[in-house]
C-alpha atoms as a PDB file:
ATOM      1  CA  MET A   1       0.088   0.047   0.240  1.00  0.00           C
ATOM      2  CA  ALA A   2       1.257   3.537  -0.816  1.00  0.00           C
ATOM      3  CA  ALA A   3       2.793   5.975   1.582  1.00  0.00           C
ATOM      4  CA  TYR A   4       2.778   9.721   1.400  1.00  0.00           C
ATOM      5  CA  CYS A   5       5.498  11.772   3.233  1.00  0.00           C
ATOM      6  CA  ILE A   6       4.164  15.208   4.059  1.00  0.00           C
ATOM      7  CA  PHE A   7       6.501  18.065   5.189  1.00  0.00           C
ATOM      8  CA  GLU A   8       5.230  21.768   5.766  1.00  0.00           C
ATOM      9  CA  VAL A   9       8.265  23.520   6.266  1.00  0.00           C
ATOM     10  CA  THR A  10       8.858  27.335   6.911  1.00  0.00           C
ATOM     11  CA  PHE A  11      12.065  29.048   6.397  1.00  0.00           C
ATOM     12  CA  SER A  12      13.446  32.707   5.643  1.00  0.00           C
ATOM     13  CA  GLU A  13      16.007  32.161   3.238  1.00  0.00           C
ATOM     14  CA  ARG A  14      16.447  29.538   0.367  1.00  0.00           C
ATOM     15  CA  GLY A  15      20.200  29.288  -0.301  1.00  0.00           C
ATOM     16  CA  TRP A  16      21.093  26.192   1.186  1.00  0.00           C
ATOM     17  CA  ARG A  17      18.592  24.569  -1.083  1.00  0.00           C
ATOM     18  CA  ARG A  18      21.087  24.238  -3.579  1.00  0.00           C
ATOM     19  CA  GLU A  19      22.575  21.717  -1.594  1.00  0.00           C
ATOM     20  CA  TYR A  20      19.874  19.927  -0.188  1.00  0.00           C
ATOM     21  CA  VAL A  21      17.410  19.287  -3.147  1.00  0.00           C
ATOM     22  CA  PRO A  22      19.677  17.425  -5.608  1.00  0.00           C
ATOM     23  CA  PRO A  23      21.357  14.594  -3.004  1.00  0.00           C
ATOM     24  CA  THR A  24      17.572  14.529  -1.575  1.00  0.00           C
ATOM     25  CA  LEU A  25      16.223  13.471  -4.993  1.00  0.00           C
ATOM     26  CA  GLU A  26      18.783  10.920  -5.604  1.00  0.00           C
ATOM     27  CA  LEU A  27      18.158   9.213  -2.491  1.00  0.00           C
ATOM     28  CA  ILE A  28      14.189   9.416  -2.605  1.00  0.00           C
ATOM     29  CA  ALA A  29      14.677   8.022  -5.938  1.00  0.00           C
ATOM     30  CA  LYS A  30      16.590   4.762  -4.246  1.00  0.00           C
ATOM     31  CA  HIS A  31      13.854   4.116  -1.828  1.00  0.00           C
ATOM     32  CA  GLY A  32      11.411   3.882  -4.662  1.00  0.00           C
ATOM     33  CA  GLY A  33       9.841   7.099  -3.711  1.00  0.00           C
ATOM     34  CA  LYS A  34       8.430   9.984  -6.318  1.00  0.00           C
ATOM     35  CA  PRO A  35       8.260  13.728  -5.443  1.00  0.00           C
ATOM     36  CA  LEU A  36       4.482  14.931  -6.270  1.00  0.00           C
ATOM     37  CA  ALA A  37       4.430  18.060  -5.184  1.00  0.00           C
ATOM     38  CA  GLY A  38       6.772  21.019  -3.631  1.00  0.00           C
ATOM     39  CA  ALA A  39       5.412  24.473  -3.461  1.00  0.00           C
ATOM     40  CA  GLU A  40       4.164  27.581  -1.530  1.00  0.00           C
ATOM     41  CA  PRO A  41       0.715  26.426  -0.684  1.00  0.00           C
ATOM     42  CA  GLU A  42      -2.508  28.494  -0.846  1.00  0.00           C
ATOM     43  CA  LYS A  43      -4.300  28.687   2.493  1.00  0.00           C
ATOM     44  CA  LEU A  44      -7.866  27.521   2.156  1.00  0.00           C
ATOM     45  CA  GLU A  45      -8.832  27.545   5.959  1.00  0.00           C
ATOM     46  CA  GLY A  46      -7.870  27.419   9.475  1.00  0.00           C
ATOM     47  CA  GLY A  47      -6.124  29.584  12.045  1.00  0.00           C
ATOM     48  CA  ARG A  48      -2.548  28.960  11.950  1.00  0.00           C
ATOM     49  CA  ALA A  49      -0.091  30.694   9.528  1.00  0.00           C
ATOM     50  CA  ALA A  50       0.719  28.546   6.173  1.00  0.00           C
ATOM     51  CA  PRO A  51       3.975  26.931   5.851  1.00  0.00           C
ATOM     52  CA  THR A  52       6.648  28.502   3.455  1.00  0.00           C
ATOM     53  CA  MET A  53       6.471  25.187   1.505  1.00  0.00           C
ATOM     54  CA  VAL A  54       4.543  22.004   1.802  1.00  0.00           C
ATOM     55  CA  ILE A  55       6.193  18.795   0.177  1.00  0.00           C
ATOM     56  CA  LEU A  56       4.519  15.518  -0.936  1.00  0.00           C
ATOM     57  CA  ILE A  57       6.665  12.355  -1.401  1.00  0.00           C
ATOM     58  CA  GLU A  58       4.830   8.954  -2.365  1.00  0.00           C
ATOM     59  CA  PHE A  59       6.561   5.742  -1.498  1.00  0.00           C
ATOM     60  CA  PRO A  60       5.588   2.230  -2.363  1.00  0.00           C
ATOM     61  CA  THR A  61       5.185   1.548   1.421  1.00  0.00           C
ATOM     62  CA  VAL A  62       5.489   2.950   4.957  1.00  0.00           C
ATOM     63  CA  GLU A  63       8.603   0.676   5.441  1.00  0.00           C
ATOM     64  CA  ALA A  64      10.288   2.589   2.013  1.00  0.00           C
ATOM     65  CA  ALA A  65       9.186   6.003   3.532  1.00  0.00           C
ATOM     66  CA  LYS A  66      11.297   5.140   6.855  1.00  0.00           C
ATOM     67  CA  ALA A  67      13.892   3.880   5.269  1.00  0.00           C
ATOM     68  CA  TRP A  68      14.434   6.869   3.202  1.00  0.00           C
ATOM     69  CA  TYR A  69      14.242   9.116   6.214  1.00  0.00           C
ATOM     70  CA  ASN A  70      16.557   7.161   8.237  1.00  0.00           C
ATOM     71  CA  ASP A  71      19.310   6.258   5.400  1.00  0.00           C
ATOM     72  CA  PRO A  72      22.310   7.430   6.981  1.00  0.00           C
ATOM     73  CA  ASP A  73      22.971   9.018   3.690  1.00  0.00           C
ATOM     74  CA  TYR A  74      19.956  11.279   4.375  1.00  0.00           C
ATOM     75  CA  LYS A  75      20.717  12.306   7.931  1.00  0.00           C
ATOM     76  CA  PRO A  76      23.309  15.261   7.213  1.00  0.00           C
ATOM     77  CA  LEU A  77      20.911  16.281   4.784  1.00  0.00           C
ATOM     78  CA  ALA A  78      18.136  16.480   7.275  1.00  0.00           C
ATOM     79  CA  ALA A  79      20.042  18.095   9.592  1.00  0.00           C
ATOM     80  CA  LEU A  80      20.852  20.495   6.909  1.00  0.00           C
ATOM     81  CA  ARG A  81      17.405  21.338   6.451  1.00  0.00           C
ATOM     82  CA  LEU A  82      16.855  21.131  10.122  1.00  0.00           C
ATOM     83  CA  SER A  83      19.047  23.932  10.818  1.00  0.00           C
ATOM     84  CA  HIS A  84      17.533  26.459   8.278  1.00  0.00           C
ATOM     85  CA  ALA A  85      14.008  25.449   8.447  1.00  0.00           C
ATOM     86  CA  ASP A  86      10.824  24.681  10.843  1.00  0.00           C
ATOM     87  CA  GLY A  87       8.362  22.319  10.112  1.00  0.00           C
ATOM     88  CA  GLU A  88       6.627  18.984  10.552  1.00  0.00           C
ATOM     89  CA  GLY A  89       7.015  16.013   8.665  1.00  0.00           C
ATOM     90  CA  LEU A  90       4.746  13.400   8.585  1.00  0.00           C
ATOM     91  CA  VAL A  91       3.979   9.574   6.915  1.00  0.00           C
ATOM     92  CA  VAL A  92       0.625   8.593   6.326  1.00  0.00           C
ATOM     93  CA  LYS A  93      -1.078   5.359   4.618  1.00  0.00           C
ATOM     94  CA  GLY A  94      -2.757   5.652   1.239  1.00  0.00           C
ATOM     95  CA  PHE A  95      -5.935   3.916   0.931  1.00  0.00           C
END
């Protein structure tokens, strides 16, 4: 069953993304993942501030999503992201 990683991220500058995005995309593909969306969201409802960006990544299973996120090669990339951005990361099972 497919699984989806959803990241809501807020950052003030974007320069760090040049170091982060290309190798992260390679690791996502390594684990069978496919980026579906990554853009500034348009707010429809709710009281909290919208994040700078929402990222949606599809994986074949929850296990594959967790394998990507826990991949030792991703750890320094996650640390880079976390040092420049605040946000939430979730994984959910598809229907």
